Amino acid sequence: MFLNWIMTKEGGQTFSSSYGYPSLRTDVSTEGILPIMLPRPGDVYPEWKYDDFGQLQGEMRKVAAKVFAPLLK
């Protein structure tokens, strides 16, 4: 029942305003959402290039190790 409700306009509005993320529904208000969170017409998002979550996780660990290594010394 929850999934049916969250996919309605009312559910999308409640979720969107509660968590500060825009709804994928175009009939839900974006009032109160930070402008940087709103997709703009014409924006192109890159395709997901990772076939496996493990591959992404490995890449993220490399980046995190590089960024935080100086702080751990």
N, C-alpha and C. Protein backbone atom coordinates (compact mmCIF):
# COMPACT_ATOMS: atom_id res chain seq x y z
N MET A 1 0.81 -1.18 0.00
CA MET A 1 0.00 0.00 0.00
C MET A 1 0.86 1.26 0.00
N PHE A 2 1.97 1.18 0.73
CA PHE A 2 2.85 2.34 0.80
C PHE A 2 3.35 2.73 -0.59
N LEU A 3 3.78 1.75 -1.36
CA LEU A 3 4.30 2.06 -2.70
C LEU A 3 3.24 2.70 -3.58
N ASN A 4 2.02 2.22 -3.48
CA ASN A 4 0.95 2.83 -4.26
C ASN A 4 0.75 4.29 -3.85
N TRP A 5 0.80 4.56 -2.55
CA TRP A 5 0.60 5.92 -2.07
C TRP A 5 1.76 6.83 -2.45
N ILE A 6 3.00 6.37 -2.26
CA ILE A 6 4.17 7.23 -2.51
C ILE A 6 4.26 7.61 -3.98
N MET A 7 3.65 6.83 -4.86
CA MET A 7 3.69 7.15 -6.28
C MET A 7 2.57 8.10 -6.71
N THR A 8 1.66 8.43 -5.77
CA THR A 8 0.61 9.39 -6.10
C THR A 8 1.17 10.80 -5.99
N LYS A 9 0.42 11.77 -6.48
CA LYS A 9 0.85 13.17 -6.38
C LYS A 9 1.01 13.56 -4.91
N GLU A 10 0.07 13.20 -4.08
CA GLU A 10 0.12 13.53 -2.65
C GLU A 10 1.35 12.90 -1.99
N GLY A 11 1.59 11.64 -2.27
CA GLY A 11 2.75 10.96 -1.70
C GLY A 11 4.06 11.56 -2.17
N GLY A 12 4.13 11.87 -3.46
CA GLY A 12 5.34 12.49 -4.01
C GLY A 12 5.59 13.85 -3.39
N GLN A 13 4.52 14.62 -3.17
CA GLN A 13 4.66 15.94 -2.55
C GLN A 13 5.14 15.82 -1.11
N THR A 14 4.57 14.88 -0.38
CA THR A 14 4.97 14.67 1.01
C THR A 14 6.43 14.26 1.10
N PHE A 15 6.84 13.30 0.29
CA PHE A 15 8.22 12.84 0.29
C PHE A 15 9.16 13.97 -0.10
N SER A 16 8.83 14.67 -1.18
CA SER A 16 9.67 15.74 -1.70
C SER A 16 9.88 16.85 -0.67
N SER A 17 8.82 17.30 -0.05
CA SER A 17 8.95 18.39 0.91
C SER A 17 9.60 17.92 2.21
N SER A 18 9.44 16.67 2.57
CA SER A 18 10.03 16.15 3.80
C SER A 18 11.54 15.96 3.69
N TYR A 19 12.00 15.47 2.55
CA TYR A 19 13.41 15.15 2.39
C TYR A 19 14.21 16.17 1.58
N GLY A 20 13.53 17.12 0.97
CA GLY A 20 14.23 18.16 0.22
C GLY A 20 14.73 17.74 -1.15
N TYR A 21 14.21 16.64 -1.66
CA TYR A 21 14.58 16.17 -3.00
C TYR A 21 13.40 16.35 -3.93
N PRO A 22 13.63 16.77 -5.16
CA PRO A 22 12.52 16.93 -6.09
C PRO A 22 11.93 15.57 -6.48
N SER A 23 10.65 15.59 -6.72
CA SER A 23 9.97 14.38 -7.17
C SER A 23 10.22 14.19 -8.66
N LEU A 24 10.16 12.96 -9.12
CA LEU A 24 10.25 12.71 -10.56
C LEU A 24 8.94 13.06 -11.26
N ARG A 25 7.90 13.24 -10.48
CA ARG A 25 6.62 13.64 -11.05
C ARG A 25 6.67 15.11 -11.41
N THR A 26 6.18 15.46 -12.57
CA THR A 26 6.21 16.86 -13.00
C THR A 26 5.06 17.68 -12.42
N ASP A 27 4.07 17.02 -11.82
CA ASP A 27 2.95 17.76 -11.24
C ASP A 27 3.11 18.01 -9.74
N VAL A 28 4.29 17.73 -9.19
CA VAL A 28 4.56 17.96 -7.78
C VAL A 28 5.34 19.27 -7.65
N SER A 29 4.92 20.10 -6.72
CA SER A 29 5.56 21.40 -6.51
C SER A 29 7.02 21.26 -6.10
N THR A 30 7.85 22.19 -6.56
CA THR A 30 9.26 22.22 -6.18
C THR A 30 9.52 23.32 -5.15
N GLU A 31 8.48 23.88 -4.61
CA GLU A 31 8.62 24.93 -3.60
C GLU A 31 9.37 24.37 -2.38
N GLY A 32 10.37 25.11 -1.93
CA GLY A 32 11.15 24.69 -0.77
C GLY A 32 12.32 23.79 -1.11
N ILE A 33 12.49 23.42 -2.36
CA ILE A 33 13.62 22.58 -2.79
C ILE A 33 14.75 23.51 -3.23
N LEU A 34 15.97 23.22 -2.79
CA LEU A 34 17.10 24.04 -3.20
C LEU A 34 17.22 24.03 -4.72
N PRO A 35 17.42 25.19 -5.33
CA PRO A 35 17.49 25.26 -6.79
C PRO A 35 18.55 24.34 -7.40
N ILE A 36 19.65 24.13 -6.71
CA ILE A 36 20.70 23.27 -7.26
C ILE A 36 20.25 21.81 -7.37
N MET A 37 19.22 21.44 -6.63
CA MET A 37 18.70 20.07 -6.66
C MET A 37 17.75 19.83 -7.84
N LEU A 38 17.31 20.89 -8.48
CA LEU A 38 16.31 20.76 -9.53
C LEU A 38 16.96 20.52 -10.89
N PRO A 39 16.54 19.48 -11.60
CA PRO A 39 17.06 19.26 -12.95
C PRO A 39 16.60 20.38 -13.88
N ARG A 40 17.47 20.79 -14.77
CA ARG A 40 17.13 21.84 -15.71
C ARG A 40 16.84 21.23 -17.08
N PRO A 41 15.91 21.81 -17.80
CA PRO A 41 15.64 21.32 -19.15
C PRO A 41 16.92 21.39 -19.99
N GLY A 42 17.21 20.33 -20.71
CA GLY A 42 18.38 20.29 -21.55
C GLY A 42 19.62 19.69 -20.90
N ASP A 43 19.58 19.52 -19.56
CA ASP A 43 20.72 18.88 -18.89
C ASP A 43 20.86 17.45 -19.38
N VAL A 44 22.09 17.04 -19.59
CA VAL A 44 22.36 15.68 -20.02
C VAL A 44 23.18 15.01 -18.93
N TYR A 45 22.75 13.85 -18.50
CA TYR A 45 23.44 13.13 -17.45
C TYR A 45 24.19 11.96 -18.08
N PRO A 46 25.43 11.75 -17.64
CA PRO A 46 26.20 10.65 -18.23
C PRO A 46 25.58 9.30 -17.91
N GLU A 47 25.78 8.36 -18.81
CA GLU A 47 25.28 7.01 -18.57
C GLU A 47 26.10 6.35 -17.49
N TRP A 48 25.47 5.47 -16.77
CA TRP A 48 26.15 4.71 -15.73
C TRP A 48 27.17 3.80 -16.38
N LYS A 49 28.43 3.91 -15.98
CA LYS A 49 29.47 3.14 -16.66
C LYS A 49 29.90 1.91 -15.88
N TYR A 50 29.36 1.71 -14.70
CA TYR A 50 29.77 0.56 -13.90
C TYR A 50 28.73 -0.55 -14.04
N ASP A 51 29.21 -1.74 -14.38
CA ASP A 51 28.32 -2.88 -14.53
C ASP A 51 28.07 -3.56 -13.19
N ASP A 52 28.93 -3.30 -12.25
CA ASP A 52 28.87 -4.03 -11.00
C ASP A 52 29.10 -3.06 -9.84
N PHE A 53 28.31 -3.18 -8.80
CA PHE A 53 28.47 -2.31 -7.64
C PHE A 53 29.86 -2.48 -7.03
N GLY A 54 30.39 -3.68 -7.05
CA GLY A 54 31.71 -3.93 -6.50
C GLY A 54 32.78 -3.11 -7.20
N GLN A 55 32.65 -2.95 -8.51
CA GLN A 55 33.60 -2.14 -9.28
C GLN A 55 33.51 -0.68 -8.83
N LEU A 56 32.30 -0.17 -8.68
CA LEU A 56 32.12 1.20 -8.21
C LEU A 56 32.66 1.37 -6.80
N GLN A 57 32.40 0.42 -5.95
CA GLN A 57 32.86 0.48 -4.57
C GLN A 57 34.40 0.52 -4.53
N GLY A 58 35.04 -0.27 -5.36
CA GLY A 58 36.50 -0.26 -5.43
C GLY A 58 37.04 1.09 -5.84
N GLU A 59 36.41 1.71 -6.83
CA GLU A 59 36.83 3.04 -7.28
C GLU A 59 36.63 4.07 -6.17
N MET A 60 35.53 3.96 -5.46
CA MET A 60 35.24 4.90 -4.38
C MET A 60 36.26 4.75 -3.25
N ARG A 61 36.66 3.54 -2.96
CA ARG A 61 37.66 3.31 -1.92
C ARG A 61 39.00 3.92 -2.30
N LYS A 62 39.38 3.83 -3.57
CA LYS A 62 40.64 4.43 -4.03
C LYS A 62 40.61 5.94 -3.84
N VAL A 63 39.51 6.56 -4.22
CA VAL A 63 39.38 8.01 -4.09
C VAL A 63 39.40 8.40 -2.61
N ALA A 64 38.64 7.68 -1.78
CA ALA A 64 38.60 7.99 -0.35
C ALA A 64 39.97 7.85 0.29
N ALA A 65 40.71 6.81 -0.06
CA ALA A 65 42.05 6.61 0.50
C ALA A 65 42.96 7.77 0.10
N LYS A 66 42.86 8.21 -1.13
CA LYS A 66 43.70 9.31 -1.61
C LYS A 66 43.36 10.63 -0.89
N VAL A 67 42.07 10.88 -0.71
CA VAL A 67 41.62 12.12 -0.09
C VAL A 67 41.93 12.15 1.41
N PHE A 68 41.67 11.04 2.10
CA PHE A 68 41.78 11.04 3.56
C PHE A 68 43.14 10.61 4.09
N ALA A 69 44.01 10.08 3.25
CA ALA A 69 45.33 9.63 3.71
C ALA A 69 46.11 10.73 4.44
N PRO A 70 46.16 11.95 3.91
CA PRO A 70 46.89 13.00 4.62
C PRO A 70 46.32 13.32 6.00
N LEU A 71 45.04 13.14 6.16
CA LEU A 71 44.40 13.44 7.44
C LEU A 71 44.68 12.38 8.50
N LEU A 72 45.03 11.18 8.07
CA LEU A 72 45.23 10.07 8.98
C LEU A 72 46.69 9.94 9.44
N LYS A 73 47.55 10.78 8.94
CA LYS A 73 48.97 10.71 9.32
C LYS A 73 49.21 11.33 10.66
